[in-house]
Protein backbone atom coordinates (compact mmCIF):
# COMPACT_ATOMS: atom_id res chain seq x y z
CA MET A 1 22.17 -8.59 -53.76
CA LYS A 2 25.25 -5.93 -53.74
CA ARG A 3 22.85 -4.04 -53.87
CA LEU A 4 20.02 -4.33 -51.27
CA LEU A 5 23.72 -4.69 -48.77
CA ALA A 6 24.64 -0.92 -49.99
CA PHE A 7 20.86 -0.15 -49.34
CA ILE A 8 21.03 -1.79 -45.91
CA ARG A 9 24.47 -0.05 -45.03
CA LYS A 10 22.99 2.99 -45.89
CA GLU A 11 20.24 2.52 -43.92
CA LEU A 12 22.56 1.55 -40.97
CA ILE A 13 24.51 4.91 -41.49
CA GLN A 14 21.91 6.89 -41.47
CA VAL A 15 20.46 5.51 -37.90
CA ARG A 16 24.20 5.96 -36.56
CA ARG A 17 24.33 9.60 -37.46
CA ASP A 18 21.11 10.84 -36.77
CA ARG A 19 22.47 11.89 -33.37
CA ARG A 20 18.46 11.43 -31.51
CA MET A 21 18.24 7.79 -32.75
CA LEU A 22 20.71 5.60 -30.93
CA PRO A 23 19.32 6.65 -27.34
CA ILE A 24 16.24 6.02 -28.66
CA VAL A 25 17.52 2.58 -29.90
CA ILE A 26 19.81 1.63 -27.01
CA ILE A 27 19.40 3.75 -23.87
CA ALA A 28 15.85 4.05 -24.07
CA PRO A 29 15.00 0.05 -23.64
CA ILE A 30 17.07 0.03 -20.56
CA LEU A 31 15.80 3.71 -19.09
CA GLN A 32 12.15 1.99 -19.95
CA LEU A 33 12.69 -1.84 -18.34
CA LEU A 34 14.15 -0.24 -15.48
CA ILE A 35 11.10 2.24 -14.77
CA LEU A 36 8.82 -0.10 -15.45
CA GLY A 37 10.70 -3.13 -13.62
CA TYR A 38 10.39 -1.33 -10.20
CA ALA A 39 7.27 0.68 -10.69
CA VAL A 40 4.97 -2.07 -11.82
CA SER A 41 3.72 -4.14 -9.45
CA LEU A 42 0.68 -6.06 -8.00
CA ASP A 43 2.06 -7.52 -4.65
CA VAL A 44 0.07 -5.01 -2.24
CA ARG A 45 2.17 -4.40 1.24
CA ASP A 46 1.64 -2.46 3.90
CA ILE A 47 -1.84 -1.42 4.27
CA PRO A 48 -2.42 1.47 5.83
CA VAL A 49 -4.74 1.20 9.06
CA VAL A 50 -6.82 2.94 11.24
CA VAL A 51 -7.21 1.16 14.48
CA VAL A 52 -10.23 1.76 16.95
CA ASP A 53 -9.94 0.28 19.88
CA GLN A 54 -13.08 0.33 22.07
CA ASP A 55 -12.50 -2.65 23.90
CA ASN A 56 -8.66 -1.82 24.96
CA SER A 57 -8.35 -5.47 26.27
CA ALA A 58 -5.85 -7.56 26.37
CA GLY A 59 -8.19 -9.93 23.70
CA SER A 60 -8.84 -6.69 21.65
CA ARG A 61 -4.09 -6.32 21.64
CA ASP A 62 -3.31 -9.24 21.32
CA PHE A 63 -5.71 -9.55 18.29
CA LEU A 64 -4.35 -6.42 16.83
CA ARG A 65 -0.37 -7.28 17.56
CA SER A 66 -1.21 -10.45 15.06
CA VAL A 67 -2.41 -7.91 12.22
CA PHE A 68 0.17 -5.82 12.57
CA ASN A 69 2.96 -8.77 12.76
CA SER A 70 1.53 -10.37 9.57
CA GLY A 71 4.11 -7.95 7.61
CA TYR A 72 1.05 -6.80 5.80
CA PHE A 73 -0.57 -3.80 7.55
CA VAL A 74 1.29 -0.17 9.07
CA GLU A 75 -0.96 1.14 11.98
CA ALA A 76 -1.37 4.75 10.75
CA GLY A 77 -3.27 6.39 13.62
CA ARG A 78 -5.80 5.63 16.89
CA GLN A 79 -8.77 7.12 17.35
CA GLU A 80 -10.48 7.33 20.41
CA ALA A 81 -14.67 7.26 18.34
CA ALA A 82 -15.86 5.80 14.65
CA GLU A 83 -16.50 8.43 13.64
CA LYS A 84 -12.96 9.84 13.56
CA VAL A 85 -12.32 7.29 10.74
CA ASP A 86 -13.36 9.54 8.14
CA ALA A 87 -11.20 12.51 8.25
CA LEU A 88 -8.15 9.83 7.43
CA LEU A 89 -9.79 7.86 5.27
CA ASP A 90 -11.07 10.86 2.88
CA SER A 91 -7.45 12.36 2.95
CA GLY A 92 -6.01 9.11 2.28
CA ARG A 93 -3.54 8.31 4.95
CA ALA A 94 -5.93 5.42 5.50
CA ALA A 95 -6.81 2.84 3.12
CA VAL A 96 -8.74 0.35 5.99
CA ALA A 97 -10.39 1.26 9.03
CA ILE A 98 -10.75 -1.71 11.79
CA ILE A 99 -13.06 -0.51 15.00
CA ILE A 100 -13.24 -3.18 17.54
CA PRO A 101 -16.11 -2.68 20.02
CA PRO A 102 -17.31 -2.96 23.52
CA GLY A 103 -17.15 -6.79 25.12
CA PHE A 104 -15.03 -8.28 22.50
CA GLU A 105 -12.70 -10.06 24.94
CA ARG A 106 -16.35 -11.09 26.91
CA ASP A 107 -17.54 -12.91 23.74
CA LEU A 108 -13.52 -14.38 23.38
CA LEU A 109 -13.50 -16.16 26.81
CA ALA A 110 -17.71 -17.23 26.64
CA GLY A 111 -17.27 -18.85 23.27
CA LYS A 112 -19.04 -16.44 21.50
CA ALA A 113 -18.51 -14.99 17.83
CA ALA A 114 -16.30 -11.49 18.45
CA SER A 115 -17.67 -9.25 15.48
CA PHE A 116 -15.11 -6.07 14.57
CA GLN A 117 -16.20 -3.62 12.13
CA CYS A 118 -13.56 -3.09 8.76
CA LEU A 119 -14.65 -0.07 6.52
CA VAL A 120 -12.12 -0.25 3.82
CA ASP A 121 -11.32 2.92 1.05
CA GLY A 122 -12.89 1.17 -2.42
CA THR A 123 -10.92 4.15 -4.90
CA GLU A 124 -8.21 1.82 -5.28
CA SER A 125 -9.85 -1.74 -5.74
CA GLN A 126 -7.08 -3.59 -6.17
CA THR A 127 -6.03 -2.62 -2.24
CA ALA A 128 -8.90 -2.86 -1.31
CA THR A 129 -9.63 -6.07 -3.04
CA VAL A 130 -6.20 -7.77 -1.51
CA GLY A 131 -6.19 -6.44 1.72
CA LEU A 132 -9.71 -7.41 2.89
CA ASN A 133 -8.43 -10.85 1.88
CA TYR A 134 -5.21 -10.29 4.10
CA LEU A 135 -7.82 -9.57 6.77
CA GLU A 136 -9.88 -12.91 6.79
CA PHE A 137 -6.37 -14.52 6.44
CA VAL A 138 -5.39 -12.44 9.85
CA SER A 139 -8.48 -13.48 10.98
CA ARG A 140 -9.07 -17.45 10.50
CA ASN A 141 -5.28 -17.91 11.74
CA PHE A 142 -6.32 -15.86 15.26
CA ASN A 143 -9.51 -17.49 15.38
CA GLN A 144 -7.44 -21.72 14.72
CA LYS A 145 -4.82 -20.18 17.48
CA LEU A 146 -7.68 -19.07 20.10
CA ILE A 147 -9.48 -22.70 18.86
CA ILE A 148 -6.36 -24.49 19.97
CA GLN A 149 -5.81 -22.57 23.52
CA ALA A 150 -9.24 -23.68 24.11
CA LEU A 151 -8.80 -27.77 23.15
CA GLU A 152 -4.88 -27.61 25.37
CA LYS A 153 -7.13 -26.24 28.15
CA ILE A 154 -9.74 -29.38 27.92
CA GLY A 155 -7.12 -31.71 27.07
CA ALA A 156 -4.83 -31.43 30.08
CA GLY A 157 -2.51 -29.50 28.01
CA THR A 158 -2.79 -31.97 25.31
CA ARG A 159 -2.83 -30.77 21.84
CA SER A 160 -5.75 -31.48 19.37
CA ALA A 161 -4.88 -32.89 15.96
CA VAL A 162 -5.25 -29.76 13.69
CA ILE A 163 -6.17 -30.23 9.41
CA GLN A 164 -2.97 -27.90 8.56
CA PRO A 165 -2.53 -27.68 4.46
CA GLU A 166 1.16 -28.00 2.65
CA VAL A 167 0.49 -25.41 -0.62
CA ARG A 168 3.23 -26.00 -3.44
CA VAL A 169 3.41 -22.78 -6.06
CA PHE A 170 5.06 -23.94 -9.14
CA PHE A 171 7.37 -21.81 -11.28
CA ASN A 172 6.88 -17.91 -9.04
CA PRO A 173 7.17 -19.22 -5.54
CA ALA A 174 7.39 -16.09 -3.35
CA LEU A 175 4.54 -15.28 -6.00
CA VAL A 176 6.43 -12.17 -6.46
CA SER A 177 4.30 -10.28 -9.29
CA ARG A 178 8.06 -8.70 -10.88
CA ASN A 179 8.33 -12.00 -12.12
CA PHE A 180 5.31 -12.55 -13.68
CA LEU A 181 5.30 -8.83 -15.27
CA LEU A 182 8.81 -8.32 -16.04
CA PRO A 183 8.65 -10.81 -19.19
CA GLY A 184 5.55 -8.54 -20.47
CA VAL A 185 7.34 -5.96 -20.59
CA PHE A 186 10.06 -7.35 -22.03
CA GLY A 187 7.69 -8.39 -24.78
CA LEU A 188 6.07 -5.01 -24.69
CA LEU A 189 9.38 -2.59 -25.12
CA LEU A 190 9.87 -5.28 -28.10
CA MET A 191 6.50 -4.15 -29.76
CA VAL A 192 7.38 -1.03 -29.68
CA MET A 193 10.82 0.03 -30.31
CA THR A 194 9.65 -2.35 -33.89
CA VAL A 195 6.78 -1.14 -34.32
CA ILE A 196 7.37 2.58 -34.36
CA LEU A 197 10.88 2.14 -35.88
CA THR A 198 9.55 1.07 -38.77
CA ALA A 199 6.09 3.23 -39.38
CA MET A 200 8.72 5.78 -38.62
CA ALA A 201 11.54 5.28 -40.66
CA VAL A 202 9.24 4.72 -43.80
CA VAL A 203 7.06 7.17 -43.60
CA LYS A 204 10.36 10.21 -43.24
CA GLU A 205 11.16 9.00 -47.17
CA TYR A 206 7.89 10.25 -48.36
CA ASP A 207 7.42 13.14 -45.82
CA ARG A 208 10.63 14.37 -46.82
CA GLY A 209 10.75 12.96 -50.67
CA THR A 210 13.37 10.24 -50.82
CA MET A 211 11.27 7.89 -51.55
CA GLU A 212 11.21 9.55 -55.23
CA GLN A 213 14.28 9.49 -55.64
CA LEU A 214 14.58 5.46 -54.08
CA ILE A 215 12.56 4.10 -56.53
CA VAL A 216 14.02 5.59 -59.72
CA THR A 217 16.96 4.09 -58.77
CA PRO A 218 17.92 0.23 -59.89
CA LEU A 219 16.52 -1.45 -56.48
CA ARG A 220 13.61 -3.02 -57.29
CA PRO A 221 9.98 -2.56 -54.64
CA PRO A 222 11.54 -6.32 -52.41
CA ASP A 223 14.67 -4.53 -52.22
CA ILE A 224 13.52 -1.59 -50.68
CA ILE A 225 11.44 -3.28 -48.42
CA LEU A 226 13.32 -5.68 -47.07
CA GLY A 227 16.02 -3.30 -47.17
CA LYS A 228 13.44 -0.73 -44.59
CA LEU A 229 13.05 -4.08 -42.61
CA LEU A 230 16.14 -5.42 -42.14
CA PRO A 231 18.38 -2.62 -40.10
CA PHE A 232 15.31 -2.51 -37.85
CA PHE A 233 16.04 -5.97 -37.08
CA ILE A 234 19.21 -5.83 -36.63
CA ILE A 235 18.32 -3.35 -34.25
CA GLY A 236 15.50 -5.29 -32.80
CA THR A 237 17.95 -7.71 -32.07
CA VAL A 238 20.35 -5.84 -29.90
CA ASP A 239 17.80 -4.63 -28.40
CA VAL A 240 16.35 -8.20 -27.53
CA ILE A 241 19.99 -9.36 -26.29
CA ILE A 242 19.91 -5.54 -23.97
CA ILE A 243 16.86 -6.13 -22.88
CA PHE A 244 17.14 -9.55 -21.75
CA ALA A 245 20.43 -8.62 -19.82
CA VAL A 246 18.73 -5.82 -17.69
CA THR A 247 15.97 -8.18 -16.68
CA ARG A 248 18.70 -11.80 -15.95
CA PHE A 249 21.52 -10.36 -14.65
CA TRP A 250 19.83 -6.29 -12.69
CA PHE A 251 16.24 -7.67 -11.83
CA GLY A 252 17.43 -11.29 -11.55
CA LEU A 253 14.75 -12.92 -12.80
CA PRO A 254 15.98 -16.53 -13.62
CA LEU A 255 16.33 -18.04 -16.86
CA ARG A 256 15.09 -22.28 -16.61
CA GLY A 257 14.80 -22.64 -20.22
CA SER A 258 16.82 -21.96 -23.94
CA PHE A 259 18.11 -18.29 -24.65
CA LEU A 260 18.47 -19.80 -28.31
CA LEU A 261 15.30 -20.40 -28.48
CA LEU A 262 14.18 -16.98 -26.68
CA LEU A 263 16.27 -15.76 -29.75
CA GLY A 264 14.81 -17.85 -32.00
CA LEU A 265 11.33 -16.86 -31.08
CA SER A 266 11.92 -13.23 -30.58
CA PHE A 267 12.61 -13.53 -34.10
CA ILE A 268 9.56 -14.50 -35.49
CA TYR A 269 8.05 -12.14 -32.77
CA MET A 270 9.68 -9.26 -35.20
CA LEU A 271 9.16 -10.58 -38.03
CA SER A 272 5.34 -9.34 -37.05
CA THR A 273 5.99 -6.22 -34.89
CA LEU A 274 7.98 -4.74 -38.18
CA GLY A 275 4.47 -5.63 -40.84
CA ILE A 276 2.93 -4.24 -38.57
CA GLY A 277 4.91 -1.30 -38.33
CA LEU A 278 5.52 -1.55 -42.96
CA PHE A 279 1.48 -1.68 -42.29
CA ILE A 280 0.82 1.53 -40.55
CA SER A 281 3.30 3.27 -42.86
CA THR A 282 1.24 2.12 -45.81
CA ILE A 283 -1.97 4.11 -44.26
CA THR A 284 -0.18 7.02 -43.06
CA ARG A 285 1.39 9.91 -44.71
CA THR A 286 3.20 12.12 -41.97
CA PRO A 287 6.01 10.96 -38.82
CA GLN A 288 3.26 13.12 -36.75
CA GLN A 289 0.20 10.59 -38.08
CA ALA A 290 2.54 7.56 -37.80
CA MET A 291 3.32 7.96 -34.35
CA LEU A 292 -0.42 8.27 -33.39
CA THR A 293 -1.34 5.62 -35.39
CA SER A 294 1.24 3.76 -33.77
CA PHE A 295 -0.12 3.92 -29.95
CA PHE A 296 -3.90 3.85 -31.28
CA PHE A 297 -2.52 0.09 -32.62
CA MET A 298 0.11 -0.79 -29.68
CA ILE A 299 -2.52 0.37 -26.89
CA PRO A 300 -5.44 -2.66 -27.42
CA MET A 301 -2.60 -4.84 -27.99
CA MET A 302 -0.66 -4.50 -24.93
CA MET A 303 -4.35 -4.17 -22.72
CA LEU A 304 -5.85 -7.38 -24.94
CA SER A 305 -2.47 -9.85 -25.01
CA GLY A 306 -2.49 -11.15 -21.42
CA PHE A 307 -0.15 -8.51 -20.32
CA VAL A 308 -1.85 -7.64 -17.06
CA PHE A 309 -5.55 -8.50 -17.30
CA PRO A 310 -6.19 -12.32 -17.57
CA ILE A 311 -7.73 -13.64 -21.39
CA GLU A 312 -10.14 -16.29 -19.69
CA ASN A 313 -11.84 -12.76 -17.91
CA MET A 314 -12.49 -11.54 -21.23
CA PRO A 315 -15.73 -11.38 -23.23
CA ARG A 316 -16.10 -14.18 -25.57
CA PHE A 317 -15.78 -10.63 -28.70
CA PHE A 318 -13.00 -9.84 -27.26
CA GLN A 319 -10.79 -13.07 -26.67
CA TRP A 320 -11.21 -14.22 -29.90
CA LEU A 321 -9.87 -10.45 -31.00
CA THR A 322 -6.69 -11.75 -29.25
CA LEU A 323 -5.75 -14.26 -31.62
CA ALA A 324 -4.50 -11.91 -33.57
CA ILE A 325 -2.44 -9.67 -31.79
CA PRO A 326 1.02 -11.19 -31.72
CA LEU A 327 2.04 -9.96 -28.16
CA ARG A 328 -0.27 -12.55 -26.71
CA TYR A 329 1.49 -15.38 -27.88
CA TYR A 330 4.65 -13.90 -27.35
CA LEU A 331 3.93 -13.35 -23.37
CA VAL A 332 3.44 -17.31 -23.18
CA VAL A 333 6.07 -18.45 -24.87
CA LEU A 334 8.36 -15.52 -22.60
CA ARG A 335 7.30 -16.60 -19.69
CA GLY A 336 7.70 -20.03 -20.63
CA ILE A 337 10.79 -20.24 -21.00
CA PHE A 338 11.86 -18.00 -17.89
CA LEU A 339 10.27 -19.10 -15.15
CA LYS A 340 9.04 -22.46 -16.31
CA GLY A 341 11.37 -23.45 -18.71
CA VAL A 342 10.19 -25.44 -21.20
CA GLY A 343 11.21 -25.93 -24.68
CA LEU A 344 10.28 -25.61 -28.46
CA SER A 345 7.98 -29.86 -27.57
CA THR A 346 5.42 -27.66 -25.18
CA LEU A 347 5.86 -24.01 -27.14
CA TYR A 348 5.62 -25.08 -30.77
CA ASP A 349 1.50 -24.46 -31.21
CA GLN A 350 2.27 -20.62 -29.55
CA ALA A 351 5.45 -20.42 -31.88
CA LEU A 352 3.23 -22.23 -35.04
CA LEU A 353 1.06 -19.79 -34.60
CA LEU A 354 2.73 -16.09 -33.84
CA LEU A 355 4.47 -17.66 -37.56
CA LEU A 356 0.98 -17.96 -39.02
CA LEU A 357 0.15 -14.87 -38.25
CA ALA A 358 3.52 -13.03 -39.28
CA VAL A 359 3.17 -14.70 -42.31
CA VAL A 360 -0.29 -12.90 -42.31
CA ILE A 361 0.30 -9.06 -41.44
CA ASN A 362 3.71 -9.00 -43.62
CA ALA A 363 1.56 -10.95 -46.27
CA LEU A 364 -0.79 -7.73 -45.93
CA SER A 365 1.92 -4.66 -45.58
CA LEU A 366 4.14 -5.96 -48.22
CA SER A 367 1.18 -6.32 -50.66
CA ARG A 368 0.53 -2.54 -49.65
CA PHE A 369 3.70 -1.41 -49.77
CA ARG A 370 4.13 -2.18 -53.00
CA ARG A 371 1.02 -0.57 -54.14
CA ARG A 372 2.08 2.13 -52.93
CA LEU A 373 5.58 2.41 -54.24
CA ASP A 374 3.53 1.71 -57.44
């Protein structure tokens, strides 16, 4: 035990002496979380719209006011002819073009269907899809207002009954995408730090020729493995606290569940990511190979974990493949504790699967590492 503690102390001293390592361990997670927290957003606002109002009537102006007062669109300019909107769409100065034909108000007053043309830049499919949904929503509200006005005239000022749904959104009432994405960034940063640091630390011993010196010491293979993993487990714990503090107190993401439960399940998650880093160190020979291989593993894990893309929308093969990704289960844990406030009674299945995956990954990694030491 004394040998193991001395080895762990040696590893922590090495990390402290490496001036390039400390900024990576402490400062990098904060900067990455701040950048991603502000930059990554699925909310679409202020969509630039160019308008061609060929009717130029009170009805068309009323409709356009309802569009721009919705808060979803901003006016990027007006043109007299429909042919002139192409330049604005091509240059990206406008994402949507609304063309109102002559006779728009006449059709409204006659009770006919008053149509308008909507041109959308589809190069950004997210903006295009959301923009069309917003425009449909605004048009539906405008139609409802016209119907109510017509019924009030018919009923001599009496209001007609209108069906009005009352919608309540649980856990994220404002539908802020940052509240959905920040827990994902939390798990992603923790994975990046533990995987890369572990893989690089072990490979550097071989690259510098110091692993042979460790082997001839009284340290046994289990001591060497634990001595390599435990320092980065401690560093990962520090990163969990730092990332949590920035997420909770800087971005104001509510913590509705238990912090101790979050910390305990983060320990299990780190066991699996440290095991992945150890496994990478057994299949690489140089730090450069370890870095590239780490990204080879992490990028698919990020894309298939449900961080951005719903797992339910993936092909069946990839849905099965996600079962081997620790980040998948950790994201459910993070969002459950932060946003829903659920406890272990709800998350026990995710915790058990995460623990099982950590055991399998570490067993495979430890067996390969032992053979490499031998």
